[in-house]
Structures are given as structure tokens and as C-alpha cells.
PDB file of N, CA and C in Angstrom:
ATOM      1  N   UNK A   1       0.822  -1.195   0.000  1.00  0.00           N
ATOM      2  CA  UNK A   1       0.000   0.000   0.000  1.00  0.00           C
ATOM      3  C   UNK A   1       0.869   1.263   0.000  1.00  0.00           C
ATOM      4  N   UNK A   2       1.929   1.264   0.794  1.00  0.00           N
ATOM      5  CA  UNK A   2       2.822   2.414   0.832  1.00  0.00           C
ATOM      6  C   UNK A   2       3.476   2.603  -0.524  1.00  0.00           C
ATOM      7  N   UNK A   3       3.883   1.495  -1.149  1.00  0.00           N
ATOM      8  CA  UNK A   3       4.529   1.591  -2.453  1.00  0.00           C
ATOM      9  C   UNK A   3       3.568   2.092  -3.520  1.00  0.00           C
ATOM     10  N   UNK A   4       2.300   1.745  -3.391  1.00  0.00           N
ATOM     11  CA  UNK A   4       1.296   2.232  -4.337  1.00  0.00           C
ATOM     12  C   UNK A   4       1.164   3.740  -4.280  1.00  0.00           C
ATOM     13  N   UNK A   5       1.140   4.286  -3.075  1.00  0.00           N
ATOM     14  CA  UNK A   5       1.055   5.740  -2.917  1.00  0.00           C
ATOM     15  C   UNK A   5       2.318   6.413  -3.446  1.00  0.00           C
ATOM     16  N   UNK A   6       3.472   5.785  -3.185  1.00  0.00           N
ATOM     17  CA  UNK A   6       4.727   6.344  -3.685  1.00  0.00           C
ATOM     18  C   UNK A   6       4.736   6.330  -5.209  1.00  0.00           C
ATOM     19  N   UNK A   7       4.260   5.238  -5.783  1.00  0.00           N
ATOM     20  CA  UNK A   7       4.177   5.148  -7.244  1.00  0.00           C
ATOM     21  C   UNK A   7       3.270   6.215  -7.821  1.00  0.00           C
ATOM     22  N   UNK A   8       2.154   6.470  -7.141  1.00  0.00           N
ATOM     23  CA  UNK A   8       1.240   7.532  -7.582  1.00  0.00           C
ATOM     24  C   UNK A   8       1.913   8.898  -7.509  1.00  0.00           C
ATOM     25  N   UNK A   9       2.679   9.119  -6.442  1.00  0.00           N
ATOM     26  CA  UNK A   9       3.376  10.398  -6.292  1.00  0.00           C
ATOM     27  C   UNK A   9       4.421  10.586  -7.390  1.00  0.00           C
ATOM     28  N   UNK A  10       5.130   9.519  -7.717  1.00  0.00           N
ATOM     29  CA  UNK A  10       6.131   9.594  -8.786  1.00  0.00           C
ATOM     30  C   UNK A  10       5.444   9.886 -10.114  1.00  0.00           C
ATOM     31  N   UNK A  11       4.316   9.224 -10.346  1.00  0.00           N
ATOM     32  CA  UNK A  11       3.568   9.459 -11.584  1.00  0.00           C
ATOM     33  C   UNK A  11       3.103  10.911 -11.663  1.00  0.00           C
ATOM     34  N   UNK A  12       2.576  11.428 -10.555  1.00  0.00           N
ATOM     35  CA  UNK A  12       2.123  12.824 -10.527  1.00  0.00           C
ATOM     36  C   UNK A  12       3.282  13.788 -10.750  1.00  0.00           C
ATOM     37  N   UNK A  13       4.437  13.480 -10.172  1.00  0.00           N
ATOM     38  CA  UNK A  13       5.613  14.342 -10.350  1.00  0.00           C
ATOM     39  C   UNK A  13       6.045  14.357 -11.814  1.00  0.00           C
ATOM     40  N   UNK A  14       6.003  13.201 -12.462  1.00  0.00           N
ATOM     41  CA  UNK A  14       6.369  13.137 -13.887  1.00  0.00           C
ATOM     42  C   UNK A  14       5.376  13.910 -14.747  1.00  0.00           C
ATOM     43  N   UNK A  15       4.093  13.778 -14.429  1.00  0.00           N
ATOM     44  CA  UNK A  15       3.068  14.518 -15.172  1.00  0.00           C
ATOM     45  C   UNK A  15       3.255  16.023 -14.987  1.00  0.00           C
ATOM     46  N   UNK A  16       3.539  16.434 -13.757  1.00  0.00           N
ATOM     47  CA  UNK A  16       3.771  17.850 -13.481  1.00  0.00           C
ATOM     48  C   UNK A  16       4.994  18.348 -14.249  1.00  0.00           C
ATOM     49  N   UNK A  17       6.051  17.561 -14.250  1.00  0.00           N
ATOM     50  CA  UNK A  17       7.266  17.934 -14.979  1.00  0.00           C
ATOM     51  C   UNK A  17       6.968  18.090 -16.467  1.00  0.00           C
ATOM     52  N   UNK A  18       6.193  17.177 -17.017  1.00  0.00           N
ATOM     53  CA  UNK A  18       5.817  17.250 -18.430  1.00  0.00           C
ATOM     54  C   UNK A  18       4.968  18.490 -18.701  1.00  0.00           C
ATOM     55  N   UNK A  19       4.009  18.747 -17.819  1.00  0.00           N
ATOM     56  CA  UNK A  19       3.152  19.933 -17.975  1.00  0.00           C
ATOM     57  C   UNK A  19       3.961  21.220 -17.887  1.00  0.00           C
ATOM     58  N   UNK A  20       4.900  21.276 -16.956  1.00  0.00           N
ATOM     59  CA  UNK A  20       5.723  22.476 -16.807  1.00  0.00           C
ATOM     60  C   UNK A  20       6.590  22.708 -18.039  1.00  0.00           C
ATOM     61  N   UNK A  21       7.081  21.631 -18.630  1.00  0.00           N
ATOM     62  CA  UNK A  21       7.880  21.760 -19.855  1.00  0.00           C
ATOM     63  C   UNK A  21       7.021  22.332 -20.985  1.00  0.00           C
ATOM     64  N   UNK A  22       5.793  21.834 -21.101  1.00  0.00           N
ATOM     65  CA  UNK A  22       4.880  22.336 -22.134  1.00  0.00           C
ATOM     66  C   UNK A  22       4.566  23.813 -21.911  1.00  0.00           C
ATOM     67  N   UNK A  23       4.331  24.187 -20.655  1.00  0.00           N
ATOM     68  CA  UNK A  23       4.036  25.584 -20.335  1.00  0.00           C
ATOM     69  C   UNK A  23       5.226  26.462 -20.686  1.00  0.00           C
ATOM     70  N   UNK A  24       6.421  26.018 -20.341  1.00  0.00           N
ATOM     71  CA  UNK A  24       7.623  26.797 -20.644  1.00  0.00           C
ATOM     72  C   UNK A  24       7.748  27.019 -22.148  1.00  0.00           C
ATOM     73  N   UNK A  25       7.531  25.960 -22.934  1.00  0.00           N
ATOM     74  CA  UNK A  25       7.616  26.081 -24.391  1.00  0.00           C
ATOM     75  C   UNK A  25       6.542  27.030 -24.928  1.00  0.00           C
ATOM     76  N   UNK A  26       5.336  26.929 -24.378  1.00  0.00           N
ATOM     77  CA  UNK A  26       4.243  27.812 -24.800  1.00  0.00           C
ATOM     78  C   UNK A  26       4.558  29.269 -24.466  1.00  0.00           C
ATOM     79  N   UNK A  27       5.078  29.491 -23.271  1.00  0.00           N
ATOM     80  CA  UNK A  27       5.415  30.856 -22.866  1.00  0.00           C
ATOM     81  C   UNK A  27       6.522  31.442 -23.740  1.00  0.00           C
ATOM     82  N   UNK A  28       7.505  30.617 -24.107  1.00  0.00           N
ATOM     83  CA  UNK A  28       8.597  31.106 -24.947  1.00  0.00           C
ATOM     84  C   UNK A  28       8.094  31.560 -26.315  1.00  0.00           C
ATOM     85  N   UNK A  29       7.002  30.968 -26.780  1.00  0.00           N
ATOM     86  CA  UNK A  29       6.421  31.353 -28.075  1.00  0.00           C
ATOM     87  C   UNK A  29       5.465  32.542 -27.946  1.00  0.00           C
ATOM     88  N   UNK A  30       5.041  32.840 -26.732  1.00  0.00           N
ATOM     89  CA  UNK A  30       4.061  33.905 -26.506  1.00  0.00           C
ATOM     90  C   UNK A  30       4.704  35.278 -26.611  1.00  0.00           C
ATOM     91  N   UNK A  31       3.894  36.239 -27.036  1.00  0.00           N
ATOM     92  CA  UNK A  31       4.323  37.637 -27.125  1.00  0.00           C
ATOM     93  C   UNK A  31       3.343  38.487 -26.327  1.00  0.00           C
ATOM     94  N   UNK A  32       3.862  39.489 -25.641  1.00  0.00           N
ATOM     95  CA  UNK A  32       3.057  40.390 -24.833  1.00  0.00           C
ATOM     96  C   UNK A  32       3.452  41.811 -25.204  1.00  0.00           C
ATOM     97  N   UNK A  33       2.460  42.662 -25.386  1.00  0.00           N
ATOM     98  CA  UNK A  33       2.785  44.036 -25.763  1.00  0.00           C
ATOM     99  C   UNK A  33       2.051  45.025 -24.877  1.00  0.00           C
ATOM    100  N   UNK A  34       2.665  46.189 -24.764  1.00  0.00           N
ATOM    101  CA  UNK A  34       2.062  47.282 -24.002  1.00  0.00           C
ATOM    102  C   UNK A  34       2.497  48.587 -24.647  1.00  0.00           C
ATOM    103  N   UNK A  35       1.630  49.588 -24.507  1.00  0.00           N
ATOM    104  CA  UNK A  35       1.920  50.918 -25.048  1.00  0.00           C
ATOM    105  C   UNK A  35       1.869  51.944 -23.935  1.00  0.00           C
ATOM    106  N   UNK A  36       2.728  52.936 -24.068  1.00  0.00           N
ATOM    107  CA  UNK A  36       2.736  54.050 -23.126  1.00  0.00           C
ATOM    108  C   UNK A  36       3.241  55.278 -23.866  1.00  0.00           C
ATOM    109  N   UNK A  37       2.417  56.294 -23.942  1.00  0.00           N
ATOM    110  CA  UNK A  37       2.827  57.564 -24.513  1.00  0.00           C
ATOM    111  C   UNK A  37       3.422  57.507 -25.902  1.00  0.00           C
ATOM    112  N   UNK A  38       2.909  56.639 -26.763  1.00  0.00           N
ATOM    113  CA  UNK A  38       3.416  56.557 -28.128  1.00  0.00           C
ATOM    114  C   UNK A  38       4.554  55.571 -28.319  1.00  0.00           C
ATOM    115  N   UNK A  39       4.869  54.797 -27.279  1.00  0.00           N
ATOM    116  CA  UNK A  39       5.905  53.769 -27.375  1.00  0.00           C
ATOM    117  C   UNK A  39       5.247  52.415 -27.162  1.00  0.00           C
ATOM    118  N   UNK A  40       5.513  51.496 -28.087  1.00  0.00           N
ATOM    119  CA  UNK A  40       4.986  50.134 -27.963  1.00  0.00           C
ATOM    120  C   UNK A  40       6.162  49.195 -27.759  1.00  0.00           C
ATOM    121  N   UNK A  41       6.063  48.336 -26.731  1.00  0.00           N
ATOM    122  CA  UNK A  41       7.105  47.364 -26.427  1.00  0.00           C
ATOM    123  C   UNK A  41       6.495  45.971 -26.494  1.00  0.00           C
ATOM    124  N   UNK A  42       7.205  45.054 -27.144  1.00  0.00           N
ATOM    125  CA  UNK A  42       6.782  43.661 -27.236  1.00  0.00           C
ATOM    126  C   UNK A  42       7.843  42.813 -26.539  1.00  0.00           C
ATOM    127  N   UNK A  43       7.379  41.941 -25.622  1.00  0.00           N
ATOM    128  CA  UNK A  43       8.292  41.036 -24.928  1.00  0.00           C
ATOM    129  C   UNK A  43       7.835  39.600 -25.138  1.00  0.00           C
ATOM    130  N   UNK A  44       8.775  38.684 -24.984  1.00  0.00           N
ATOM    131  CA  UNK A  44       8.459  37.262 -25.088  1.00  0.00           C
ATOM    132  C   UNK A  44       8.126  36.723 -23.701  1.00  0.00           C
ATOM    133  N   UNK A  45       7.583  35.523 -23.681  1.00  0.00           N
ATOM    134  CA  UNK A  45       7.286  34.867 -22.415  1.00  0.00           C
ATOM    135  C   UNK A  45       8.537  34.510 -21.639  1.00  0.00           C
ATOM    136  N   UNK A  46       9.691  34.556 -22.299  1.00  0.00           N
ATOM    137  CA  UNK A  46      10.953  34.324 -21.595  1.00  0.00           C
ATOM    138  C   UNK A  46      11.546  35.642 -21.101  1.00  0.00           C
ATOM    139  N   UNK A  47      10.704  36.678 -21.082  1.00  0.00           N
ATOM    140  CA  UNK A  47      11.023  37.986 -20.514  1.00  0.00           C
ATOM    141  C   UNK A  47      12.120  38.732 -21.274  1.00  0.00           C
ATOM    142  N   UNK A  48      12.137  38.581 -22.590  1.00  0.00           N
ATOM    143  CA  UNK A  48      13.085  39.314 -23.421  1.00  0.00           C
ATOM    144  C   UNK A  48      12.326  40.290 -24.306  1.00  0.00           C
ATOM    145  N   UNK A  49      12.856  41.489 -24.438  1.00  0.00           N
ATOM    146  CA  UNK A  49      12.237  42.483 -25.309  1.00  0.00           C
ATOM    147  C   UNK A  49      12.521  42.088 -26.751  1.00  0.00           C
ATOM    148  N   UNK A  50      11.458  41.929 -27.539  1.00  0.00           N
ATOM    149  CA  UNK A  50      11.642  41.522 -28.935  1.00  0.00           C
ATOM    150  C   UNK A  50      11.418  42.668 -29.912  1.00  0.00           C
ATOM    151  N   UNK A  51      10.738  43.736 -29.469  1.00  0.00           N
ATOM    152  CA  UNK A  51      10.506  44.860 -30.374  1.00  0.00           C
ATOM    153  C   UNK A  51      10.150  46.107 -29.570  1.00  0.00           C
ATOM    154  N   UNK A  52      10.615  47.236 -30.058  1.00  0.00           N
ATOM    155  CA  UNK A  52      10.230  48.538 -29.512  1.00  0.00           C
ATOM    156  C   UNK A  52       9.902  49.435 -30.697  1.00  0.00           C
ATOM    157  N   UNK A  53       8.703  50.017 -30.677  1.00  0.00           N
ATOM    158  CA  UNK A  53       8.297  50.954 -31.726  1.00  0.00           C
ATOM    159  C   UNK A  53       8.007  52.300 -31.071  1.00  0.00           C
ATOM    160  N   UNK A  54       8.643  53.341 -31.601  1.00  0.00           N
ATOM    161  CA  UNK A  54       8.480  54.683 -31.043  1.00  0.00           C
ATOM    162  C   UNK A  54       7.835  55.577 -32.091  1.00  0.00           C
ATOM    163  N   UNK A  55       6.697  56.141 -31.732  1.00  0.00           N
ATOM    164  CA  UNK A  55       5.983  57.058 -32.618  1.00  0.00           C
ATOM    165  C   UNK A  55       6.832  58.305 -32.843  1.00  0.00           C
ATOM    166  N   UNK A  56       6.783  58.860 -34.055  1.00  0.00           N
ATOM    167  CA  UNK A  56       7.540  60.090 -34.309  1.00  0.00           C
ATOM    168  C   UNK A  56       7.044  61.275 -33.478  1.00  0.00           C
ATOM    169  N   UNK A  57       5.864  61.152 -32.895  1.00  0.00           N
ATOM    170  CA  UNK A  57       5.289  62.238 -32.095  1.00  0.00           C
ATOM    171  C   UNK A  57       5.718  62.214 -30.627  1.00  0.00           C
ATOM    172  N   UNK A  58       6.546  61.238 -30.237  1.00  0.00           N
ATOM    173  CA  UNK A  58       6.938  61.105 -28.837  1.00  0.00           C
ATOM    174  C   UNK A  58       7.833  62.273 -28.423  1.00  0.00           C
ATOM    175  N   UNK A  59       7.555  62.799 -27.253  1.00  0.00           N
ATOM    176  CA  UNK A  59       8.371  63.863 -26.671  1.00  0.00           C
ATOM    177  C   UNK A  59       9.733  63.268 -26.304  1.00  0.00           C
ATOM    178  N   UNK A  60      10.786  63.682 -27.002  1.00  0.00           N
ATOM    179  CA  UNK A  60      12.109  63.103 -26.796  1.00  0.00           C
ATOM    180  C   UNK A  60      12.649  63.326 -25.387  1.00  0.00           C
ATOM    181  N   UNK A  61      12.198  64.344 -24.711  1.00  0.00           N
ATOM    182  CA  UNK A  61      12.643  64.585 -23.335  1.00  0.00           C
ATOM    183  C   UNK A  61      12.105  63.532 -22.368  1.00  0.00           C
ATOM    184  N   UNK A  62      11.028  62.864 -22.761  1.00  0.00           N
ATOM    185  CA  UNK A  62      10.402  61.875 -21.882  1.00  0.00           C
ATOM    186  C   UNK A  62      10.568  60.444 -22.390  1.00  0.00           C
ATOM    187  N   UNK A  63      11.302  60.241 -23.478  1.00  0.00           N
ATOM    188  CA  UNK A  63      11.354  58.930 -24.118  1.00  0.00           C
ATOM    189  C   UNK A  63      11.891  57.840 -23.187  1.00  0.00           C
ATOM    190  N   UNK A  64      12.906  58.120 -22.381  1.00  0.00           N
ATOM    191  CA  UNK A  64      13.443  57.095 -21.477  1.00  0.00           C
ATOM    192  C   UNK A  64      12.377  56.590 -20.516  1.00  0.00           C
ATOM    193  N   UNK A  65      11.659  57.505 -19.921  1.00  0.00           N
ATOM    194  CA  UNK A  65      10.614  57.147 -18.967  1.00  0.00           C
ATOM    195  C   UNK A  65       9.474  56.391 -19.646  1.00  0.00           C
ATOM    196  N   UNK A  66       9.100  56.845 -20.827  1.00  0.00           N
ATOM    197  CA  UNK A  66       7.998  56.212 -21.553  1.00  0.00           C
ATOM    198  C   UNK A  66       8.366  54.788 -21.966  1.00  0.00           C
ATOM    199  N   UNK A  67       9.587  54.592 -22.482  1.00  0.00           N
ATOM    200  CA  UNK A  67      10.037  53.252 -22.884  1.00  0.00           C
ATOM    201  C   UNK A  67      10.076  52.334 -21.669  1.00  0.00           C
ATOM    202  N   UNK A  68      10.608  52.828 -20.563  1.00  0.00           N
ATOM    203  CA  UNK A  68      10.673  52.025 -19.341  1.00  0.00           C
ATOM    204  C   UNK A  68       9.274  51.618 -18.888  1.00  0.00           C
ATOM    205  N   UNK A  69       8.337  52.549 -18.895  1.00  0.00           N
ATOM    206  CA  UNK A  69       6.966  52.244 -18.481  1.00  0.00           C
ATOM    207  C   UNK A  69       6.326  51.194 -19.382  1.00  0.00           C
ATOM    208  N   UNK A  70       6.477  51.349 -20.694  1.00  0.00           N
ATOM    209  CA  UNK A  70       5.891  50.384 -21.628  1.00  0.00           C
ATOM    210  C   UNK A  70       6.536  49.010 -21.459  1.00  0.00           C
ATOM    211  N   UNK A  71       7.858  48.973 -21.292  1.00  0.00           N
ATOM    212  CA  UNK A  71       8.558  47.696 -21.106  1.00  0.00           C
ATOM    213  C   UNK A  71       8.093  47.018 -19.824  1.00  0.00           C
ATOM    214  N   UNK A  72       7.981  47.764 -18.749  1.00  0.00           N
ATOM    215  CA  UNK A  72       7.527  47.186 -17.485  1.00  0.00           C
ATOM    216  C   UNK A  72       6.099  46.662 -17.575  1.00  0.00           C
ATOM    217  N   UNK A  73       5.232  47.363 -18.294  1.00  0.00           N
ATOM    218  CA  UNK A  73       3.853  46.896 -18.475  1.00  0.00           C
ATOM    219  C   UNK A  73       3.826  45.581 -19.258  1.00  0.00           C
ATOM    220  N   UNK A  74       4.615  45.501 -20.330  1.00  0.00           N
ATOM    221  CA  UNK A  74       4.649  44.280 -21.142  1.00  0.00           C
ATOM    222  C   UNK A  74       5.232  43.122 -20.341  1.00  0.00           C
ATOM    223  N   UNK A  75       6.296  43.368 -19.586  1.00  0.00           N
ATOM    224  CA  UNK A  75       6.889  42.317 -18.756  1.00  0.00           C
ATOM    225  C   UNK A  75       5.913  41.847 -17.683  1.00  0.00           C
ATOM    226  N   UNK A  76       5.145  42.759 -17.112  1.00  0.00           N
ATOM    227  CA  UNK A  76       4.145  42.372 -16.113  1.00  0.00           C
ATOM    228  C   UNK A  76       3.097  41.453 -16.733  1.00  0.00           C
ATOM    229  N   UNK A  77       2.667  41.760 -17.955  1.00  0.00           N
ATOM    230  CA  UNK A  77       1.704  40.892 -18.643  1.00  0.00           C
ATOM    231  C   UNK A  77       2.287  39.498 -18.820  1.00  0.00           C
ATOM    232  N   UNK A  78       3.548  39.418 -19.228  1.00  0.00           N
ATOM    233  CA  UNK A  78       4.199  38.123 -19.431  1.00  0.00           C
ATOM    234  C   UNK A  78       4.305  37.361 -18.112  1.00  0.00           C
ATOM    235  N   UNK A  79       4.712  38.028 -17.050  1.00  0.00           N
ATOM    236  CA  UNK A  79       4.841  37.379 -15.744  1.00  0.00           C
ATOM    237  C   UNK A  79       3.488  36.921 -15.216  1.00  0.00           C
ATOM    238  N   UNK A  80       2.472  37.762 -15.355  1.00  0.00           N
ATOM    239  CA  UNK A  80       1.133  37.399 -14.887  1.00  0.00           C
ATOM    240  C   UNK A  80       0.606  36.176 -15.625  1.00  0.00           C
ATOM    241  N   UNK A  81       0.826  36.129 -16.948  1.00  0.00           N
ATOM    242  CA  UNK A  81       0.371  34.985 -17.735  1.00  0.00           C
ATOM    243  C   UNK A  81       1.120  33.722 -17.322  1.00  0.00           C
ATOM    244  N   UNK A  82       2.429  33.831 -17.141  1.00  0.00           N
ATOM    245  CA  UNK A  82       3.226  32.678 -16.716  1.00  0.00           C
ATOM    246  C   UNK A  82       2.760  32.192 -15.350  1.00  0.00           C
ATOM    247  N   UNK A  83       2.521  33.111 -14.453  1.00  0.00           N
ATOM    248  CA  UNK A  83       2.068  32.771 -13.109  1.00  0.00           C
ATOM    249  C   UNK A  83       0.726  32.047 -13.145  1.00  0.00           C
ATOM    250  N   UNK A  84      -0.190  32.550 -13.956  1.00  0.00           N
ATOM    251  CA  UNK A  84      -1.515  31.938 -14.075  1.00  0.00           C
ATOM    252  C   UNK A  84      -1.420  30.525 -14.656  1.00  0.00           C
ATOM    253  N   UNK A  85      -0.596  30.350 -15.678  1.00  0.00           N
ATOM    254  CA  UNK A  85      -0.449  29.025 -16.296  1.00  0.00           C
ATOM    255  C   UNK A  85       0.192  28.038 -15.327  1.00  0.00           C
ATOM    256  N   UNK A  86       1.185  28.479 -14.569  1.00  0.00           N
ATOM    257  CA  UNK A  86       1.813  27.602 -13.585  1.00  0.00           C
ATOM    258  C   UNK A  86       0.843  27.261 -12.460  1.00  0.00           C
ATOM    259  N   UNK A  87       0.043  28.224 -12.063  1.00  0.00           N
ATOM    260  CA  UNK A  87      -0.950  27.991 -11.010  1.00  0.00           C
ATOM    261  C   UNK A  87      -1.934  26.908 -11.443  1.00  0.00           C
ATOM    262  N   UNK A  88      -2.385  26.988 -12.703  1.00  0.00           N
ATOM    263  CA  UNK A  88      -3.307  25.975 -13.224  1.00  0.00           C
ATOM    264  C   UNK A  88      -2.637  24.610 -13.284  1.00  0.00           C
ATOM    265  N   UNK A  89      -1.378  24.573 -13.732  1.00  0.00           N
ATOM    266  CA  UNK A  89      -0.667  23.301 -13.892  1.00  0.00           C
ATOM    267  C   UNK A  89      -0.385  22.628 -12.559  1.00  0.00           C
ATOM    268  N   UNK A  90      -0.175  23.428 -11.516  1.00  0.00           N
ATOM    269  CA  UNK A  90       0.183  22.859 -10.216  1.00  0.00           C
ATOM    270  C   UNK A  90      -0.999  22.781  -9.261  1.00  0.00           C
ATOM    271  N   UNK A  91      -2.176  23.142  -9.739  1.00  0.00           N
ATOM    272  CA  UNK A  91      -3.346  23.117  -8.875  1.00  0.00           C
ATOM    273  C   UNK A  91      -3.240  24.135  -7.749  1.00  0.00           C
ATOM    274  N   UNK A  92      -2.525  25.217  -8.002  1.00  0.00           N
ATOM    275  CA  UNK A  92      -2.372  26.269  -7.008  1.00  0.00           C
ATOM    276  C   UNK A  92      -1.218  26.053  -6.049  1.00  0.00           C
ATOM    277  N   UNK A  93      -0.513  24.923  -6.191  1.00  0.00           N
ATOM    278  CA  UNK A  93       0.610  24.622  -5.308  1.00  0.00           C
ATOM    279  C   UNK A  93       1.778  25.558  -5.618  1.00  0.00           C
ATOM    280  N   UNK A  94       2.381  26.087  -4.581  1.00  0.00           N
ATOM    281  CA  UNK A  94       3.518  26.994  -4.745  1.00  0.00           C
ATOM    282  C   UNK A  94       4.789  26.192  -4.981  1.00  0.00           C
ATOM    283  N   UNK A  95       5.514  26.540  -6.040  1.00  0.00           N
ATOM    284  CA  UNK A  95       6.790  25.900  -6.334  1.00  0.00           C
ATOM    285  C   UNK A  95       7.855  26.990  -6.389  1.00  0.00           C
ATOM    286  N   UNK A  96       8.521  27.243  -5.271  1.00  0.00           N
ATOM    287  CA  UNK A  96       9.515  28.313  -5.222  1.00  0.00           C
ATOM    288  C   UNK A  96      10.570  28.157  -6.315  1.00  0.00           C
ATOM    289  N   UNK A  97      10.950  29.289  -6.883  1.00  0.00           N
ATOM    290  CA  UNK A  97      11.990  29.279  -7.901  1.00  0.00           C
ATOM    291  C   UNK A  97      11.477  29.202  -9.320  1.00  0.00           C
ATOM    292  N   UNK A  98      10.201  28.878  -9.504  1.00  0.00           N
ATOM    293  CA  UNK A  98       9.660  28.796 -10.862  1.00  0.00           C
ATOM    294  C   UNK A  98       9.268  30.164 -11.380  1.00  0.00           C
ATOM    295  N   UNK A  99       8.789  31.039 -10.533  1.00  0.00           N
ATOM    296  CA  UNK A  99       8.390  32.397 -10.943  1.00  0.00           C
ATOM    297  C   UNK A  99       8.708  33.340  -9.824  1.00  0.00           C
TER     298      UNK A  99
END
């Protein structure tokens, strides 16, 4: 009986590992974008900036702040989506170090 429960736990751990791998691959393919003051930033699910578009109408004195704000908004979208997908995959169980 003890071995049966252990076997079930091992099976669940393998399924979780497989699900987490799928989520990671899905997130790496995902794109998240945000706009702020005429600047659009696109980031990947692996938290890398893949594109920045700046409108010609952007106030150049504020461009650093605007780009930072748009990048942070896009990264937050990516993190929130990753967090939600991991929460679903783990049944709400906290796994430190994953996010």
C-alpha cells in the first residue's frame, strides 16, 4: 500500500514535470505588448524584449521614462500569464523558484 502511494506520487511528479515543460515552451512562443505615450514594447514569455516601436510624435525629453513604463507593463503581462499558467498546472501549489 505504501509503495502504491509512492508510485502515484512519482507518476504525478512526472506529469507535473511534463506539464511544466509544455508551459515553458508555450510561454517562450508567446508575445506580450504594451503601449505608453506613443511607445509600444513587445516582450516574449521568456522575458526578453523583442521589439520597440516609437511614434515620431513622442516627446524626446520623456522617451526614457515612456520606454521604461511600456517595457515594465509588457513584462508584467508576461509574468502574470506565466504565473496563471503555472498555477493551473500545479493546482495552485507553490513551487519556489519557478516564478
